[in-house]
Amino acid sequence: MRQRELVTLASLTTQGDTHDQLVVHINGALNVGLSRAEVTEAFLHCVPYVGFPKVLNAVSVLREVLATRGAGAPSAS
């Protein structure tokens, strides 16, 4: 499940404009044991392939989800 969520997050990031789906799958990723650092790293790994704006959008959604969960902002790796 961890790998599936990582693949899903990367795929949604490449598509752009997937805010609602990212919310669901970021929560899913955190629920199956991925850390916020691992989710952040998955998004950052996409920068050279999909571009900075799409990755920034995904990281913004991650921040929203973490705030909702009371987990704070993603840590810089």
N, C-alpha and C. Protein backbone atom coordinates (compact mmCIF):
# COMPACT_ATOMS: atom_id res chain seq x y z
N MET A 1 0.81 -1.19 0.00
CA MET A 1 0.00 0.00 0.00
C MET A 1 0.86 1.26 0.00
N ARG A 2 1.99 1.22 0.68
CA ARG A 2 2.87 2.40 0.71
C ARG A 2 3.34 2.76 -0.70
N GLN A 3 3.79 1.75 -1.44
CA GLN A 3 4.29 2.01 -2.79
C GLN A 3 3.16 2.47 -3.71
N ARG A 4 1.99 1.90 -3.55
CA ARG A 4 0.84 2.30 -4.37
C ARG A 4 0.50 3.76 -4.13
N GLU A 5 0.51 4.17 -2.86
CA GLU A 5 0.21 5.56 -2.56
C GLU A 5 1.27 6.50 -3.13
N LEU A 6 2.55 6.09 -3.06
CA LEU A 6 3.60 6.93 -3.64
C LEU A 6 3.42 7.09 -5.14
N VAL A 7 3.11 6.00 -5.81
CA VAL A 7 2.88 6.06 -7.26
C VAL A 7 1.67 6.94 -7.56
N THR A 8 0.62 6.79 -6.79
CA THR A 8 -0.58 7.59 -6.99
C THR A 8 -0.29 9.07 -6.79
N LEU A 9 0.45 9.40 -5.74
CA LEU A 9 0.80 10.80 -5.48
C LEU A 9 1.62 11.39 -6.63
N ALA A 10 2.57 10.63 -7.12
CA ALA A 10 3.38 11.11 -8.24
C ALA A 10 2.52 11.30 -9.49
N SER A 11 1.64 10.36 -9.74
CA SER A 11 0.76 10.45 -10.91
C SER A 11 -0.17 11.66 -10.82
N LEU A 12 -0.75 11.87 -9.66
CA LEU A 12 -1.63 13.02 -9.49
C LEU A 12 -0.86 14.33 -9.64
N THR A 13 0.37 14.35 -9.15
CA THR A 13 1.20 15.55 -9.29
C THR A 13 1.47 15.85 -10.76
N THR A 14 1.72 14.84 -11.56
CA THR A 14 2.01 15.07 -12.98
C THR A 14 0.80 15.61 -13.72
N GLN A 15 -0.40 15.26 -13.28
CA GLN A 15 -1.61 15.71 -13.96
C GLN A 15 -1.95 17.16 -13.65
N GLY A 16 -1.60 17.62 -12.46
CA GLY A 16 -1.98 18.96 -12.06
C GLY A 16 -3.47 19.07 -11.84
N ASP A 17 -3.90 20.11 -11.16
CA ASP A 17 -5.30 20.40 -10.88
C ASP A 17 -6.03 19.18 -10.31
N THR A 18 -5.41 18.54 -9.33
CA THR A 18 -5.99 17.34 -8.71
C THR A 18 -6.08 17.50 -7.20
N HIS A 19 -6.39 18.71 -6.77
CA HIS A 19 -6.41 19.04 -5.34
C HIS A 19 -7.19 18.02 -4.52
N ASP A 20 -8.44 17.78 -4.89
CA ASP A 20 -9.29 16.91 -4.07
C ASP A 20 -8.75 15.48 -4.00
N GLN A 21 -8.23 15.00 -5.13
CA GLN A 21 -7.67 13.65 -5.14
C GLN A 21 -6.38 13.59 -4.33
N LEU A 22 -5.58 14.65 -4.39
CA LEU A 22 -4.36 14.69 -3.58
C LEU A 22 -4.69 14.65 -2.09
N VAL A 23 -5.72 15.36 -1.68
CA VAL A 23 -6.12 15.34 -0.27
C VAL A 23 -6.40 13.90 0.16
N VAL A 24 -7.19 13.20 -0.64
CA VAL A 24 -7.54 11.81 -0.30
C VAL A 24 -6.29 10.94 -0.22
N HIS A 25 -5.42 11.05 -1.20
CA HIS A 25 -4.28 10.14 -1.27
C HIS A 25 -3.12 10.54 -0.36
N ILE A 26 -3.00 11.82 -0.03
CA ILE A 26 -2.01 12.19 0.99
C ILE A 26 -2.45 11.62 2.33
N ASN A 27 -3.73 11.77 2.65
CA ASN A 27 -4.23 11.16 3.88
C ASN A 27 -4.03 9.66 3.86
N GLY A 28 -4.31 9.03 2.74
CA GLY A 28 -4.10 7.59 2.61
C GLY A 28 -2.65 7.20 2.82
N ALA A 29 -1.74 7.97 2.23
CA ALA A 29 -0.32 7.69 2.37
C ALA A 29 0.11 7.78 3.83
N LEU A 30 -0.35 8.82 4.51
CA LEU A 30 0.00 8.97 5.91
C LEU A 30 -0.63 7.86 6.75
N ASN A 31 -1.82 7.43 6.37
CA ASN A 31 -2.51 6.38 7.12
C ASN A 31 -1.84 5.01 6.97
N VAL A 32 -1.16 4.77 5.84
CA VAL A 32 -0.50 3.48 5.65
C VAL A 32 0.96 3.51 6.11
N GLY A 33 1.36 4.61 6.76
CA GLY A 33 2.67 4.63 7.39
C GLY A 33 3.75 5.46 6.72
N LEU A 34 3.43 6.12 5.62
CA LEU A 34 4.44 7.01 5.04
C LEU A 34 4.58 8.23 5.93
N SER A 35 5.80 8.71 6.07
CA SER A 35 6.02 9.92 6.87
C SER A 35 5.79 11.15 6.00
N ARG A 36 5.60 12.28 6.65
CA ARG A 36 5.44 13.52 5.88
C ARG A 36 6.70 13.82 5.08
N ALA A 37 7.87 13.45 5.60
CA ALA A 37 9.12 13.65 4.87
C ALA A 37 9.15 12.79 3.60
N GLU A 38 8.65 11.56 3.69
CA GLU A 38 8.63 10.68 2.51
C GLU A 38 7.67 11.22 1.45
N VAL A 39 6.53 11.74 1.87
CA VAL A 39 5.58 12.31 0.92
C VAL A 39 6.19 13.55 0.27
N THR A 40 6.80 14.40 1.09
CA THR A 40 7.46 15.60 0.56
C THR A 40 8.53 15.23 -0.45
N GLU A 41 9.35 14.25 -0.11
CA GLU A 41 10.42 13.82 -1.01
C GLU A 41 9.87 13.27 -2.32
N ALA A 42 8.76 12.56 -2.26
CA ALA A 42 8.14 12.04 -3.49
C ALA A 42 7.75 13.19 -4.40
N PHE A 43 7.17 14.24 -3.81
CA PHE A 43 6.80 15.41 -4.62
C PHE A 43 8.04 16.09 -5.17
N LEU A 44 9.04 16.31 -4.33
CA LEU A 44 10.24 17.01 -4.78
C LEU A 44 10.97 16.25 -5.87
N HIS A 45 10.90 14.94 -5.82
CA HIS A 45 11.53 14.12 -6.85
C HIS A 45 10.91 14.37 -8.23
N CYS A 46 9.67 14.83 -8.25
CA CYS A 46 8.96 15.08 -9.51
C CYS A 46 9.35 16.39 -10.19
N VAL A 47 10.04 17.28 -9.49
CA VAL A 47 10.33 18.61 -10.04
C VAL A 47 10.94 18.55 -11.44
N PRO A 48 12.02 17.80 -11.67
CA PRO A 48 12.61 17.86 -13.02
C PRO A 48 11.74 17.22 -14.10
N TYR A 49 10.79 16.43 -13.71
CA TYR A 49 9.97 15.71 -14.68
C TYR A 49 8.66 16.41 -15.01
N VAL A 50 8.08 17.12 -14.03
CA VAL A 50 6.77 17.73 -14.26
C VAL A 50 6.79 19.24 -14.09
N GLY A 51 7.84 19.78 -13.52
CA GLY A 51 7.95 21.22 -13.35
C GLY A 51 7.63 21.68 -11.94
N PHE A 52 8.22 22.80 -11.61
CA PHE A 52 8.12 23.35 -10.27
C PHE A 52 6.69 23.76 -9.90
N PRO A 53 5.91 24.40 -10.79
CA PRO A 53 4.56 24.82 -10.40
C PRO A 53 3.65 23.67 -9.96
N LYS A 54 3.66 22.56 -10.66
CA LYS A 54 2.81 21.42 -10.28
C LYS A 54 3.25 20.84 -8.94
N VAL A 55 4.56 20.80 -8.72
CA VAL A 55 5.06 20.28 -7.45
C VAL A 55 4.71 21.23 -6.30
N LEU A 56 4.82 22.53 -6.55
CA LEU A 56 4.43 23.49 -5.52
C LEU A 56 2.96 23.35 -5.16
N ASN A 57 2.13 23.11 -6.15
CA ASN A 57 0.70 22.89 -5.88
C ASN A 57 0.50 21.66 -4.99
N ALA A 58 1.21 20.58 -5.30
CA ALA A 58 1.09 19.35 -4.51
C ALA A 58 1.58 19.57 -3.08
N VAL A 59 2.68 20.28 -2.92
CA VAL A 59 3.22 20.56 -1.58
C VAL A 59 2.24 21.45 -0.81
N SER A 60 1.58 22.35 -1.50
CA SER A 60 0.58 23.20 -0.86
C SER A 60 -0.58 22.36 -0.31
N VAL A 61 -1.00 21.37 -1.08
CA VAL A 61 -2.06 20.47 -0.62
C VAL A 61 -1.56 19.66 0.58
N LEU A 62 -0.31 19.23 0.52
CA LEU A 62 0.26 18.50 1.66
C LEU A 62 0.22 19.36 2.92
N ARG A 63 0.58 20.62 2.80
CA ARG A 63 0.53 21.53 3.96
C ARG A 63 -0.89 21.63 4.51
N GLU A 64 -1.87 21.73 3.62
CA GLU A 64 -3.27 21.79 4.06
C GLU A 64 -3.65 20.53 4.84
N VAL A 65 -3.29 19.38 4.29
CA VAL A 65 -3.63 18.11 4.93
C VAL A 65 -2.95 18.01 6.29
N LEU A 66 -1.68 18.36 6.35
CA LEU A 66 -0.96 18.28 7.62
C LEU A 66 -1.55 19.24 8.65
N ALA A 67 -1.97 20.41 8.21
CA ALA A 67 -2.60 21.36 9.14
C ALA A 67 -3.92 20.79 9.67
N THR A 68 -4.68 20.14 8.80
CA THR A 68 -5.93 19.53 9.21
C THR A 68 -5.69 18.41 10.21
N ARG A 69 -4.61 17.67 9.99
CA ARG A 69 -4.27 16.55 10.88
C ARG A 69 -3.52 17.00 12.12
N GLY A 70 -3.16 18.29 12.19
CA GLY A 70 -2.42 18.80 13.32
C GLY A 70 -0.97 18.37 13.32
N ALA A 71 -0.43 18.08 12.13
CA ALA A 71 0.93 17.57 12.04
C ALA A 71 1.95 18.63 11.68
N GLY A 72 1.53 19.84 11.40
CA GLY A 72 2.49 20.89 11.05
C GLY A 72 2.96 20.81 9.62
N ALA A 73 3.85 21.72 9.25
CA ALA A 73 4.37 21.81 7.89
C ALA A 73 5.36 20.69 7.61
N PRO A 74 5.52 20.34 6.32
CA PRO A 74 6.50 19.31 5.98
C PRO A 74 7.91 19.76 6.33
N SER A 75 8.71 18.84 6.79
CA SER A 75 10.08 19.17 7.13
C SER A 75 10.93 19.17 5.88
N ALA A 76 11.92 20.06 5.85
CA ALA A 76 12.85 20.13 4.72
C ALA A 76 13.84 19.00 4.85
N SER A 77 14.08 18.29 3.75
CA SER A 77 15.04 17.19 3.77
C SER A 77 16.32 17.59 3.08
